[in-house]
């Protein structure tokens, strides 16, 4: 079984200075670093919106007359079951 690090990705995001400072202060309050707290917030928003995200993927696939798996392969470069790991 893969470790958590092997299942994670890292990428750069750009925030306004005000948002970055607010995130840093919020993280400090909870005794978490900027990256760790930012990742937690992004993950929780994705989880909260999974139904919406799935619906948007289905809608985009339908409007392009392709299957969900075909669209995910086009967008993500892999099959649907791989994309959901």
Protein backbone atom coordinates (compact mmCIF):
# COMPACT_ATOMS: atom_id res chain seq x y z
CA UNK A 1 0.00 0.00 0.00
CA UNK A 2 1.27 3.47 -0.87
CA UNK A 3 2.20 5.90 1.86
CA UNK A 4 0.42 9.24 2.20
CA UNK A 5 3.39 11.04 0.58
CA UNK A 6 3.21 8.71 -2.42
CA UNK A 7 -0.48 9.60 -2.88
CA UNK A 8 0.06 13.37 -2.58
CA UNK A 9 0.91 15.99 -5.16
CA UNK A 10 2.59 19.32 -4.69
CA UNK A 11 1.93 22.44 -6.74
CA UNK A 12 2.20 26.20 -6.45
CA UNK A 13 -0.80 28.47 -5.96
CA UNK A 14 -0.95 32.25 -6.08
CA UNK A 15 -2.91 34.24 -3.48
CA UNK A 16 -3.24 37.95 -2.90
CA UNK A 17 -1.03 39.27 -0.11
CA UNK A 18 -4.12 39.89 2.02
CA UNK A 19 -5.40 36.33 1.55
CA UNK A 20 -1.96 34.85 2.22
CA UNK A 21 -1.61 36.84 5.42
CA UNK A 22 -5.11 35.86 6.54
CA UNK A 23 -4.34 32.20 5.84
CA UNK A 24 -1.06 32.45 7.73
CA UNK A 25 -2.77 34.07 10.74
CA UNK A 26 -5.57 31.49 10.67
CA UNK A 27 -3.01 28.69 10.52
CA UNK A 28 -1.01 30.22 13.38
CA UNK A 29 -4.14 30.32 15.51
CA UNK A 30 -4.57 26.59 14.92
CA UNK A 31 -0.81 25.96 15.30
CA UNK A 32 -0.42 24.84 11.69
CA UNK A 33 1.95 25.99 8.99
CA UNK A 34 0.83 27.90 5.91
CA UNK A 35 1.13 24.94 3.51
CA UNK A 36 -0.43 22.39 5.85
CA UNK A 37 -3.40 24.59 6.67
CA UNK A 38 -3.85 25.68 3.07
CA UNK A 39 -3.87 22.03 1.96
CA UNK A 40 -6.42 21.17 4.65
CA UNK A 41 -8.71 24.01 3.52
CA UNK A 42 -8.46 23.06 -0.15
CA UNK A 43 -9.11 19.39 0.64
CA UNK A 44 -12.15 20.21 2.74
CA UNK A 45 -13.62 22.47 0.02
CA UNK A 46 -13.11 19.74 -2.60
CA UNK A 47 -14.78 17.20 -0.30
CA UNK A 48 -17.68 19.57 0.38
CA UNK A 49 -18.19 20.12 -3.36
CA UNK A 50 -17.59 16.60 -4.71
CA UNK A 51 -21.20 16.23 -5.83
CA UNK A 52 -21.01 19.52 -7.72
CA UNK A 53 -17.63 18.62 -9.23
CA UNK A 54 -18.95 15.22 -10.37
CA UNK A 55 -22.00 16.89 -11.90
CA UNK A 56 -19.83 19.39 -13.76
CA UNK A 57 -17.65 16.59 -15.11
CA UNK A 58 -20.74 14.70 -16.28
CA UNK A 59 -22.19 17.88 -17.85
CA UNK A 60 -18.92 18.64 -19.66
CA UNK A 61 -18.71 15.06 -20.95
CA UNK A 62 -22.30 15.16 -22.21
CA UNK A 63 -21.78 18.49 -23.97
CA UNK A 64 -18.73 17.04 -25.74
CA UNK A 65 -20.51 13.74 -26.59
CA UNK A 66 -17.85 11.69 -24.80
CA UNK A 67 -17.99 9.41 -21.81
CA UNK A 68 -16.94 10.55 -18.36
CA UNK A 69 -13.92 8.21 -18.57
CA UNK A 70 -12.91 9.67 -21.95
CA UNK A 71 -13.17 13.23 -20.65
CA UNK A 72 -11.14 12.45 -17.53
CA UNK A 73 -8.51 10.78 -19.69
CA UNK A 74 -8.38 13.90 -21.87
CA UNK A 75 -8.24 16.27 -18.89
CA UNK A 76 -6.06 14.25 -16.56
CA UNK A 77 -4.14 12.00 -18.92
CA UNK A 78 -5.36 8.79 -17.30
CA UNK A 79 -8.38 6.55 -16.99
CA UNK A 80 -11.27 7.26 -14.61
CA UNK A 81 -10.31 4.55 -12.10
CA UNK A 82 -6.75 5.87 -12.00
CA UNK A 83 -8.02 9.46 -11.61
CA UNK A 84 -10.08 8.51 -8.56
CA UNK A 85 -7.16 6.94 -6.61
